[in-house]
Amino acid sequence: MQRVVVAGGGLAGPRSAEALRALGFDGELVVIGAEEHFPYNRPPLSKAMLSDALSAADLVLPRKSLSRKVSWRLGVSVSRADLAQPTVELSDDSTMGYDALIVATGVSARRLRLSVPVEWRHVIRTVGDALRLRSRLAPGRRVVVIGAGFICCEVAASAALLGCEVELVDPLQAPLALPLGLLVGAEVRRRHEVQGLRFHLGRSVAAMSGDERRKNLVLDDGTELVADEWWRRSARSPTLAG
């Protein structure tokens, strides 16, 4: 019996498995996912989940009947693929052979190299990321969001709804300027400012320092910001090593 290994337990991996079954493949299908959760909907992580409107269980995607004919390996990831053998090496040091390999690993958050503890900084890519950030958001806490794209604005708005004092830093002249343009960006800024958010546009972070109680950010124009939490929408990179 042929075996197809799907590396990636997000949305693309299970959908690939379903498509194979729909096309008549009757061999073994194994989906490997780094998270311990079954595939879930990610967009609410920066919105409803931060505001406690949804729980992790609410995000789980419905599994079609075809996907129930799949073997799941959750909580482990593919660390290396040997195309010559062919086998995959997993993060638990086990190996698995395959007849066909589907790489659907998506991306992961790539953190900046900063001389401050990683615990002070948050990214949102997984349920765990959102839960950790949500546990730190409370009325009166000061949050600095580095970036003013879609997810940054969503996180900032969610934090403001929870009573946090929120400031956004972005090198562009308006939030969402690249995807939506300056006119729409200006209106997005106006609506956020009505909710009490403060923008520092055309600026970047020059330095960061602090301790457990107080974090300091210095912008490239010398402006100093004080935060209890930093949140950064960082660039992301593929997770599978070949």
Protein backbone atom coordinates (compact mmCIF):
# COMPACT_ATOMS: atom_id res chain seq x y z
CA MET A 1 0.00 0.00 0.00
CA GLN A 2 1.33 3.40 -0.92
CA ARG A 3 1.84 6.03 1.77
CA VAL A 4 1.50 9.78 1.30
CA VAL A 5 2.96 11.95 4.04
CA VAL A 6 1.60 15.47 4.43
CA ALA A 7 3.99 17.75 6.32
CA GLY A 8 1.83 20.44 7.89
CA GLY A 9 -1.28 20.36 10.03
CA GLY A 10 -2.68 23.79 9.22
CA LEU A 11 -5.37 24.36 6.62
CA ALA A 12 -3.49 23.32 3.46
CA GLY A 13 -2.34 19.93 4.77
CA PRO A 14 -5.74 18.40 5.61
CA ARG A 15 -7.31 19.94 2.53
CA SER A 16 -4.62 18.24 0.42
CA ALA A 17 -5.45 14.93 2.09
CA GLU A 18 -9.15 15.43 1.40
CA ALA A 19 -8.41 16.21 -2.24
CA LEU A 20 -6.40 13.00 -2.62
CA ARG A 21 -9.27 10.92 -1.23
CA ALA A 22 -11.72 12.72 -3.52
CA LEU A 23 -9.50 11.81 -6.49
CA GLY A 24 -9.64 8.14 -5.53
CA PHE A 25 -6.38 7.61 -3.64
CA ASP A 26 -6.97 4.65 -1.28
CA GLY A 27 -3.52 4.30 0.24
CA GLU A 28 -2.26 5.46 3.63
CA LEU A 29 -2.44 9.17 4.39
CA VAL A 30 -0.45 10.61 7.30
CA VAL A 31 -0.74 14.28 8.29
CA ILE A 32 2.05 15.57 10.55
CA GLY A 33 1.39 18.75 12.51
CA ALA A 34 3.70 20.57 14.92
CA GLU A 35 0.85 21.80 17.11
CA GLU A 36 -1.15 19.50 19.37
CA HIS A 37 -4.40 20.95 18.06
CA PHE A 38 -6.38 19.73 15.08
CA PRO A 39 -6.45 22.31 12.25
CA TYR A 40 -8.13 25.55 13.27
CA ASN A 41 -9.13 28.93 11.92
CA ARG A 42 -6.29 31.44 12.44
CA PRO A 43 -7.79 34.88 11.58
CA PRO A 44 -9.71 35.15 14.92
CA LEU A 45 -6.44 34.80 16.86
CA SER A 46 -5.83 38.54 16.60
CA LYS A 47 -9.46 39.52 17.14
CA ALA A 48 -12.18 37.50 18.87
CA MET A 49 -9.82 35.22 20.74
CA LEU A 50 -7.92 38.13 22.27
CA SER A 51 -11.17 39.66 23.48
CA ASP A 52 -12.37 36.35 24.98
CA ALA A 53 -15.28 36.13 22.54
CA LEU A 54 -13.97 32.76 21.31
CA SER A 55 -12.07 29.89 22.91
CA ALA A 56 -9.51 27.59 21.28
CA ALA A 57 -12.20 24.93 20.85
CA ASP A 58 -14.36 27.38 18.87
CA LEU A 59 -11.63 27.77 16.25
CA VAL A 60 -11.27 24.10 15.28
CA LEU A 61 -12.20 23.58 11.64
CA PRO A 62 -14.92 21.03 10.83
CA ARG A 63 -13.38 17.87 9.46
CA LYS A 64 -15.09 16.45 6.43
CA SER A 65 -15.79 12.73 6.23
CA LEU A 66 -12.82 12.22 3.90
CA SER A 67 -10.34 13.64 6.41
CA ARG A 68 -11.43 11.06 9.00
CA LYS A 69 -9.65 8.46 6.89
CA VAL A 70 -6.34 10.13 7.76
CA SER A 71 -3.70 9.19 10.35
CA TRP A 72 -2.75 12.20 12.46
CA ARG A 73 0.67 12.77 14.02
CA LEU A 74 0.18 15.92 16.11
CA GLY A 75 2.71 17.60 18.38
CA VAL A 76 5.67 16.71 16.15
CA SER A 77 7.11 18.40 13.10
CA VAL A 78 9.14 17.40 10.05
CA SER A 79 12.70 18.57 10.66
CA ARG A 80 14.26 17.13 7.51
CA ALA A 81 13.17 15.48 4.28
CA ASP A 82 15.45 13.04 2.47
CA LEU A 83 14.23 12.93 -1.11
CA ALA A 84 16.66 10.21 -2.14
CA GLN A 85 15.66 7.59 0.48
CA PRO A 86 12.75 8.75 0.62
CA THR A 87 12.09 9.43 4.32
CA VAL A 88 11.26 12.27 6.66
CA GLU A 89 12.89 12.87 10.03
CA LEU A 90 10.59 14.10 12.79
CA SER A 91 11.27 16.33 15.77
CA ASP A 92 10.90 13.34 18.13
CA ASP A 93 13.88 11.67 16.36
CA SER A 94 11.70 9.11 14.60
CA THR A 95 11.70 8.59 10.83
CA MET A 96 8.96 7.70 8.38
CA GLY A 97 9.14 6.48 4.82
CA TYR A 98 6.84 7.72 2.10
CA ASP A 99 5.93 7.19 -1.53
CA ALA A 100 4.87 10.80 -1.97
CA LEU A 101 5.44 13.88 0.17
CA ILE A 102 3.26 16.98 0.31
CA VAL A 103 4.95 19.99 1.91
CA ALA A 104 2.25 22.20 3.43
CA THR A 105 4.12 23.60 6.41
CA GLY A 106 3.07 27.20 5.96
CA VAL A 107 5.17 29.76 7.80
CA SER A 108 6.28 30.57 11.33
CA ALA A 109 6.98 33.81 13.15
CA ARG A 110 10.57 34.99 12.76
CA ARG A 111 11.71 37.12 15.67
CA LEU A 112 14.08 40.05 15.43
CA ARG A 113 17.51 39.64 16.97
CA LEU A 114 17.21 41.88 20.00
CA SER A 115 19.22 42.05 23.20
CA VAL A 116 16.11 41.76 25.39
CA PRO A 117 14.33 38.63 26.70
CA VAL A 118 12.00 36.98 24.22
CA GLU A 119 9.37 36.72 26.97
CA TRP A 120 8.84 40.47 26.77
CA ARG A 121 7.80 40.30 23.16
CA HIS A 122 4.79 38.65 21.55
CA VAL A 123 3.95 37.41 18.08
CA ILE A 124 0.72 35.77 16.98
CA ARG A 125 0.84 32.70 14.81
CA THR A 126 -0.67 29.96 16.97
CA VAL A 127 -3.39 29.47 19.59
CA GLY A 128 -0.63 29.36 22.21
CA ASP A 129 0.69 32.75 21.07
CA ALA A 130 -2.77 34.31 21.35
CA LEU A 131 -3.43 32.79 24.78
CA ARG A 132 -0.10 34.05 26.14
CA LEU A 133 -0.77 37.56 24.90
CA ARG A 134 -4.36 37.53 26.14
CA SER A 135 -3.17 36.62 29.64
CA ARG A 136 -1.06 39.80 29.72
CA LEU A 137 -3.71 42.23 28.52
CA ALA A 138 -5.66 44.07 31.21
CA PRO A 139 -7.07 47.56 31.81
CA GLY A 140 -4.33 50.13 32.23
CA ARG A 141 -1.51 48.04 30.79
CA ARG A 142 0.66 49.84 28.23
CA VAL A 143 1.11 48.04 24.93
CA VAL A 144 3.34 49.04 22.03
CA VAL A 145 2.60 47.45 18.66
CA ILE A 146 5.45 47.61 16.15
CA GLY A 147 3.83 47.70 12.74
CA ALA A 148 0.48 48.99 11.49
CA GLY A 149 -0.66 46.38 9.00
CA PHE A 150 -3.84 44.31 9.19
CA ILE A 151 -2.90 42.05 12.09
CA CYS A 152 -1.16 44.83 14.01
CA CYS A 153 -4.25 47.02 13.81
CA GLU A 154 -6.45 44.11 14.85
CA VAL A 155 -4.29 43.34 17.87
CA ALA A 156 -4.12 47.01 18.80
CA ALA A 157 -7.90 47.41 18.57
CA SER A 158 -8.47 44.25 20.63
CA ALA A 159 -6.06 45.45 23.32
CA ALA A 160 -7.77 48.85 23.42
CA LEU A 161 -11.17 47.19 23.88
CA LEU A 162 -9.71 45.42 26.91
CA GLY A 163 -8.74 48.77 28.41
CA CYS A 164 -5.05 48.84 27.49
CA GLU A 165 -3.16 51.99 26.51
CA VAL A 166 -1.95 51.25 23.00
CA GLU A 167 0.64 52.91 20.76
CA LEU A 168 1.55 51.80 17.24
CA VAL A 169 4.88 52.41 15.52
CA ASP A 170 5.26 52.09 11.75
CA PRO A 171 7.77 53.44 9.20
CA LEU A 172 5.02 54.25 6.68
CA GLN A 173 2.91 57.40 6.64
CA ALA A 174 -0.41 55.66 7.33
CA PRO A 175 -1.61 52.33 8.69
CA LEU A 176 -2.27 49.76 5.96
CA ALA A 177 -0.64 52.13 3.46
CA LEU A 178 0.87 49.39 1.30
CA PRO A 179 -2.22 47.21 0.73
CA LEU A 180 -4.91 49.92 0.86
CA GLY A 181 -3.23 53.25 0.12
CA LEU A 182 -2.89 56.51 2.03
CA LEU A 183 -6.54 57.60 1.75
CA VAL A 184 -7.98 54.46 3.30
CA GLY A 185 -5.06 54.34 5.72
CA ALA A 186 -5.89 57.81 6.97
CA GLU A 187 -9.46 56.76 7.68
CA VAL A 188 -8.26 53.62 9.50
CA ARG A 189 -6.03 55.84 11.61
CA ARG A 190 -8.91 58.21 12.41
CA ARG A 191 -11.15 55.37 13.55
CA HIS A 192 -8.44 53.87 15.73
CA GLU A 193 -7.63 57.23 17.28
CA VAL A 194 -11.29 57.66 18.22
CA GLN A 195 -10.82 54.53 20.32
CA GLY A 196 -7.81 56.09 22.04
CA LEU A 197 -4.95 54.47 20.09
CA ARG A 198 -1.88 56.62 19.39
CA PHE A 199 0.22 56.35 16.23
CA HIS A 200 3.90 57.10 15.63
CA LEU A 201 4.11 57.00 11.84
CA GLY A 202 7.17 57.45 9.69
CA ARG A 203 9.17 56.14 12.63
CA SER A 204 11.11 52.98 13.48
CA VAL A 205 12.47 51.54 16.72
CA ALA A 206 16.12 52.44 17.32
CA ALA A 207 16.66 50.78 20.70
CA MET A 208 14.93 48.67 23.32
CA SER A 209 15.73 48.10 26.98
CA GLY A 210 14.05 47.64 30.33
CA ASP A 211 13.24 45.15 33.06
CA GLU A 212 10.32 43.00 34.20
CA ARG A 213 8.29 46.02 35.32
CA ARG A 214 9.09 48.57 32.61
CA LYS A 215 10.10 48.29 28.98
CA ASN A 216 11.58 51.25 27.12
CA LEU A 217 11.58 51.82 23.38
CA VAL A 218 13.46 54.67 21.73
CA LEU A 219 12.32 55.66 18.24
CA ASP A 220 14.61 56.94 15.52
CA ASP A 221 13.56 60.55 16.24
CA GLY A 222 14.42 60.22 19.93
CA THR A 223 10.86 59.70 21.14
CA GLU A 224 10.76 57.41 24.18
CA LEU A 225 7.87 55.01 24.71
CA VAL A 226 7.18 53.02 27.86
CA ALA A 227 5.38 49.69 27.69
CA ASP A 228 4.35 46.75 29.80
CA GLU A 229 4.08 44.64 26.66
CA TRP A 230 5.55 44.80 23.16
CA TRP A 231 3.80 43.18 20.29
CA ARG A 232 5.38 42.88 16.90
CA ARG A 233 3.93 41.55 13.66
CA SER A 234 7.18 40.05 12.44
CA ALA A 235 8.16 38.66 9.08
CA ARG A 236 7.59 34.96 8.74
CA SER A 237 9.60 32.17 7.20
CA PRO A 238 9.03 28.54 6.13
CA THR A 239 9.34 25.93 8.87
CA LEU A 240 10.51 22.87 6.88
CA ALA A 241 14.24 22.26 6.56
CA GLY A 242 15.23 20.30 3.49
